[in-house]
Amino acid sequence: RDHAQDNPLDELAAVVNESVVRGGMLLVASFAVGRAQQLVYLLRTLMGSGQIPSLPIWVDSPMAVAATEVFRQHAKEHDFAEAIEAGVVGSLSPRDVQLARSAAESKAINAHDGPGVIIAASGMMNGGRILHHLKRRLPLPKTTVLLAGFQAKGTRGRSLQEGARVLKIHGREIPVAAVVRQIDAFSGHADRREMVRWLEALPPPKQTFLVHGEPAAARGMAARLTEMFQWKTACPAIGTRVVLE
């Protein structure tokens, strides 16, 4: 599949502003390392440029908190060009972002009833503190849930992506009244265009196996490689054995 070519900053700004208008919390299910810090950086950049209003941001994941501290300690190793341009040099500084380390700090977020952003793991909603926030806020129509990464089949994130109106969390059936949004531009995976661009620089292989991804997407990629390069392709099923010569 191909990812949308839209600017992720513009897409994120639109989701945040929509959430603010409705007066609710924006819940972002995020991977703890890399993605969470990227989201904080982009949110602070948008605030600095005036594209979204200033909002409280919580990072509610022990691993994400630890990773954020590493980013802060080694800020010189990263390119913060957009943030500097927007006047938000310290985009990951403690005064800008609230880090929920303990369970008590996580629960304290529940006291906030207005607009804000909670970034919590896990990214596909199969565990982590995001579940507690979903359980409390999914039934509220003013809540927005942002899917900021790939959602594998069988995960709660995928269920929301496909329009589920009820989500089972901690043994309870939680009604979904929240608005669900997705930004594909945050995906950490290469899309079809990027993979084809990388593959076309390689010498033609004897055989190409597509072993990662959903079946329909794998078949589509195989067809594309055959069409463009006349490569011999296969999408082996789980357990298939192949002898390489």
Protein backbone atom coordinates (compact mmCIF):
# COMPACT_ATOMS: atom_id res chain seq x y z
CA ARG A 1 0.00 0.00 0.00
CA ASP A 2 1.02 3.61 -0.52
CA HIS A 3 0.90 6.16 2.29
CA ALA A 4 -0.82 9.48 1.73
CA GLN A 5 1.59 12.21 0.68
CA ASP A 6 0.01 14.82 2.95
CA ASN A 7 2.12 16.86 5.36
CA PRO A 8 1.87 15.14 8.78
CA LEU A 9 2.10 18.52 10.55
CA ASP A 10 -0.97 19.78 8.70
CA GLU A 11 -2.86 16.56 9.37
CA LEU A 12 -1.95 16.62 13.05
CA ALA A 13 -2.98 20.26 13.36
CA ALA A 14 -6.37 19.47 11.83
CA VAL A 15 -6.97 16.60 14.28
CA VAL A 16 -5.92 18.67 17.30
CA ASN A 17 -8.03 21.68 16.32
CA GLU A 18 -11.05 19.46 15.74
CA SER A 19 -10.55 17.97 19.19
CA VAL A 20 -10.27 21.41 20.79
CA VAL A 21 -13.50 22.57 19.17
CA ARG A 22 -15.33 19.62 20.70
CA GLY A 23 -13.76 20.36 24.09
CA GLY A 24 -12.44 16.88 24.77
CA MET A 25 -9.21 15.02 25.28
CA LEU A 26 -7.10 13.76 22.39
CA LEU A 27 -5.86 10.24 23.13
CA VAL A 28 -2.88 9.15 21.05
CA ALA A 29 -1.97 5.46 21.08
CA SER A 30 1.75 5.53 20.43
CA PHE A 31 4.83 3.36 20.41
CA ALA A 32 6.91 4.35 23.41
CA VAL A 33 10.30 4.87 21.77
CA GLY A 34 10.68 7.29 18.89
CA ARG A 35 7.03 7.81 17.98
CA ALA A 36 6.01 9.33 21.33
CA GLN A 37 8.91 11.79 21.24
CA GLN A 38 8.18 12.65 17.61
CA LEU A 39 4.58 13.46 18.48
CA VAL A 40 5.57 15.69 21.39
CA TYR A 41 8.05 17.48 19.15
CA LEU A 42 5.46 18.04 16.41
CA LEU A 43 2.78 19.17 18.85
CA ARG A 44 5.10 21.70 20.47
CA THR A 45 6.19 22.89 17.02
CA LEU A 46 2.56 23.45 16.02
CA MET A 47 1.91 25.35 19.25
CA GLY A 48 4.98 27.51 18.70
CA SER A 49 3.90 28.40 15.17
CA GLY A 50 0.34 29.18 16.29
CA GLN A 51 -1.27 26.46 14.20
CA ILE A 52 -2.82 24.93 17.31
CA PRO A 53 -3.53 26.48 20.73
CA SER A 54 -1.30 25.79 23.72
CA LEU A 55 -2.51 22.61 25.39
CA PRO A 56 -1.32 20.40 28.22
CA ILE A 57 0.55 17.34 26.95
CA TRP A 58 0.98 14.19 29.01
CA VAL A 59 3.35 11.37 28.15
CA ASP A 60 1.89 8.44 30.09
CA SER A 61 4.17 5.45 29.62
CA PRO A 62 7.16 4.49 31.80
CA MET A 63 9.18 3.43 28.75
CA ALA A 64 8.23 6.56 26.80
CA VAL A 65 9.17 8.72 29.78
CA ALA A 66 12.59 7.03 30.00
CA ALA A 67 13.12 7.44 26.25
CA THR A 68 12.10 11.11 26.43
CA GLU A 69 14.73 11.68 29.11
CA VAL A 70 17.35 10.17 26.79
CA PHE A 71 16.24 12.49 23.99
CA ARG A 72 16.56 15.46 26.34
CA GLN A 73 20.02 14.46 27.54
CA HIS A 74 21.27 14.09 23.97
CA ALA A 75 19.35 16.92 22.30
CA LYS A 76 22.42 17.93 20.27
CA GLU A 77 22.24 14.60 18.46
CA HIS A 78 18.85 15.45 16.96
CA ASP A 79 17.66 17.89 14.31
CA PHE A 80 15.10 20.26 15.84
CA ALA A 81 15.05 22.61 12.85
CA GLU A 82 11.25 22.90 12.66
CA ALA A 83 10.91 23.61 16.38
CA ILE A 84 13.66 26.25 16.34
CA GLU A 85 11.99 27.93 13.36
CA ALA A 86 8.69 27.94 15.26
CA GLY A 87 10.36 29.38 18.36
CA VAL A 88 10.04 26.21 20.45
CA VAL A 89 13.68 25.38 21.10
CA GLY A 90 12.99 23.31 24.23
CA SER A 91 10.19 21.26 22.72
CA LEU A 92 10.82 18.33 25.09
CA SER A 93 11.53 20.41 28.21
CA PRO A 94 9.75 19.49 31.48
CA ARG A 95 7.76 22.72 31.61
CA ASP A 96 6.20 21.93 28.24
CA VAL A 97 5.40 18.26 28.74
CA GLN A 98 4.10 16.43 31.80
CA LEU A 99 5.67 13.01 32.26
CA ALA A 100 3.57 10.48 34.17
CA ARG A 101 6.08 8.13 35.74
CA SER A 102 4.00 6.52 38.48
CA ALA A 103 0.54 4.96 38.49
CA ALA A 104 -0.62 7.78 40.76
CA GLU A 105 0.56 10.39 38.25
CA SER A 106 -1.24 8.50 35.50
CA LYS A 107 -4.50 8.40 37.45
CA ALA A 108 -4.20 12.11 38.25
CA ILE A 109 -4.69 12.89 34.55
CA ASN A 110 -8.31 11.81 34.98
CA ALA A 111 -8.95 15.05 36.88
CA HIS A 112 -8.45 17.03 33.67
CA ASP A 113 -11.74 17.44 31.83
CA GLY A 114 -10.94 19.98 29.12
CA PRO A 115 -8.88 19.84 25.94
CA GLY A 116 -5.45 18.26 26.15
CA VAL A 117 -3.31 15.51 24.65
CA ILE A 118 -2.46 12.18 26.26
CA ILE A 119 0.25 10.14 24.53
CA ALA A 120 0.36 6.60 25.89
CA ALA A 121 1.45 3.12 24.89
CA SER A 122 0.84 0.66 23.50
CA GLY A 123 0.56 1.79 19.91
CA MET A 124 -1.93 -0.92 18.94
CA MET A 125 -3.84 -0.71 22.24
CA ASN A 126 -3.19 -4.29 23.28
CA GLY A 127 -1.79 -3.23 26.63
CA GLY A 128 -0.29 -0.35 28.55
CA ARG A 129 -1.77 2.72 30.19
CA ILE A 130 -3.66 3.80 27.07
CA LEU A 131 -6.27 1.18 28.02
CA HIS A 132 -7.16 3.00 31.25
CA HIS A 133 -7.69 6.26 29.37
CA LEU A 134 -9.71 4.52 26.66
CA LYS A 135 -11.91 2.84 29.25
CA ARG A 136 -12.72 6.19 30.83
CA ARG A 137 -12.96 8.40 27.74
CA LEU A 138 -14.15 6.24 24.82
CA PRO A 139 -17.81 6.61 25.90
CA LEU A 140 -17.52 10.43 25.71
CA PRO A 141 -18.48 11.94 22.31
CA LYS A 142 -16.07 14.84 22.88
CA THR A 143 -13.06 12.48 22.99
CA THR A 144 -10.83 12.01 19.95
CA VAL A 145 -8.65 8.92 19.49
CA LEU A 146 -5.72 9.27 17.10
CA LEU A 147 -4.18 6.16 15.56
CA ALA A 148 -0.62 7.21 14.79
CA GLY A 149 0.78 3.97 13.42
CA PHE A 150 0.01 0.64 11.78
CA GLN A 151 -2.74 -1.37 13.49
CA ALA A 152 -2.31 -5.12 13.07
CA LYS A 153 -5.27 -7.41 12.56
CA GLY A 154 -6.71 -8.67 15.84
CA THR A 155 -5.68 -5.62 17.90
CA ARG A 156 -7.97 -3.12 19.59
CA GLY A 157 -6.47 -0.40 17.42
CA ARG A 158 -7.51 -2.29 14.30
CA SER A 159 -11.01 -2.75 15.71
CA LEU A 160 -11.33 1.02 16.21
CA GLN A 161 -9.88 1.65 12.76
CA GLU A 162 -12.57 -0.58 11.28
CA GLY A 163 -15.36 1.25 13.10
CA ALA A 164 -16.03 -0.89 16.18
CA ARG A 165 -18.76 0.58 18.36
CA VAL A 166 -17.81 -1.52 21.39
CA LEU A 167 -14.32 -2.38 22.65
CA LYS A 168 -13.53 -5.00 25.28
CA ILE A 169 -11.09 -3.63 27.85
CA HIS A 170 -10.15 -5.37 31.11
CA GLY A 171 -13.12 -7.70 30.74
CA ARG A 172 -15.66 -4.93 30.22
CA GLU A 173 -17.55 -3.94 27.08
CA ILE A 174 -16.79 -0.24 26.57
CA PRO A 175 -19.07 1.69 24.19
CA VAL A 176 -17.26 3.78 21.59
CA ALA A 177 -18.73 7.25 21.24
CA ALA A 178 -15.39 8.96 20.61
CA VAL A 179 -14.25 10.16 17.20
CA VAL A 180 -11.44 8.05 15.72
CA ARG A 181 -8.86 9.59 13.39
CA GLN A 182 -5.77 8.13 11.72
CA ILE A 183 -2.61 9.68 10.25
CA ASP A 184 -0.77 7.24 7.97
CA ALA A 185 2.15 9.63 7.50
CA PHE A 186 3.49 8.62 10.92
CA SER A 187 4.05 5.03 9.85
CA GLY A 188 7.56 3.79 10.51
CA HIS A 189 7.29 1.30 7.64
CA ALA A 190 8.26 2.00 4.06
CA ASP A 191 5.28 2.07 1.71
CA ARG A 192 5.10 0.51 -1.74
CA ARG A 193 6.68 3.50 -3.48
CA GLU A 194 9.64 3.55 -1.09
CA MET A 195 10.21 -0.20 -1.35
CA VAL A 196 10.08 -0.14 -5.16
CA ARG A 197 12.55 2.77 -5.20
CA TRP A 198 14.94 0.77 -3.02
CA LEU A 199 14.51 -2.49 -4.94
CA GLU A 200 15.04 -1.00 -8.39
CA ALA A 201 18.67 -0.27 -7.49
CA LEU A 202 19.36 -3.97 -6.83
CA PRO A 203 20.38 -6.61 -9.38
CA PRO A 204 17.44 -8.84 -10.36
CA PRO A 205 17.09 -11.75 -7.91
CA LYS A 206 16.28 -15.32 -8.95
CA GLN A 207 13.24 -15.29 -6.69
CA THR A 208 11.56 -12.69 -4.48
CA PHE A 209 9.59 -13.78 -1.40
CA LEU A 210 7.13 -11.43 0.26
CA VAL A 211 6.90 -12.65 3.85
CA HIS A 212 5.79 -9.58 5.81
CA GLY A 213 2.54 -7.67 5.68
CA GLU A 214 -1.11 -8.52 5.23
CA PRO A 215 -1.96 -11.03 2.48
CA ALA A 216 -3.76 -8.59 0.18
CA ALA A 217 -0.96 -6.02 0.44
CA ALA A 218 1.70 -8.70 -0.14
CA ARG A 219 -0.09 -9.97 -3.24
CA GLY A 220 -0.43 -6.43 -4.55
CA MET A 221 3.28 -5.79 -4.02
CA ALA A 222 4.16 -9.06 -5.75
CA ALA A 223 2.04 -8.11 -8.75
CA ARG A 224 3.70 -4.71 -8.86
CA LEU A 225 7.22 -6.19 -8.88
CA THR A 226 6.27 -8.63 -11.62
CA GLU A 227 4.71 -5.84 -13.68
CA MET A 228 7.60 -3.39 -13.27
CA PHE A 229 10.65 -5.66 -13.23
CA GLN A 230 9.35 -9.03 -14.50
CA TRP A 231 10.64 -10.59 -11.28
CA LYS A 232 9.56 -14.03 -10.17
CA THR A 233 7.66 -13.50 -6.91
CA ALA A 234 5.93 -15.62 -4.28
CA CYS A 235 3.88 -14.97 -1.14
CA PRO A 236 4.52 -18.13 0.91
CA ALA A 237 2.05 -19.16 3.59
CA ILE A 238 3.13 -19.67 7.20
CA GLY A 239 5.05 -22.93 7.51
CA THR A 240 6.06 -23.10 3.86
CA ARG A 241 9.55 -24.50 3.31
CA VAL A 242 11.72 -23.40 0.42
CA VAL A 243 15.04 -24.87 -0.70
CA LEU A 244 17.48 -22.16 -1.79
CA GLU A 245 20.13 -23.17 -4.30
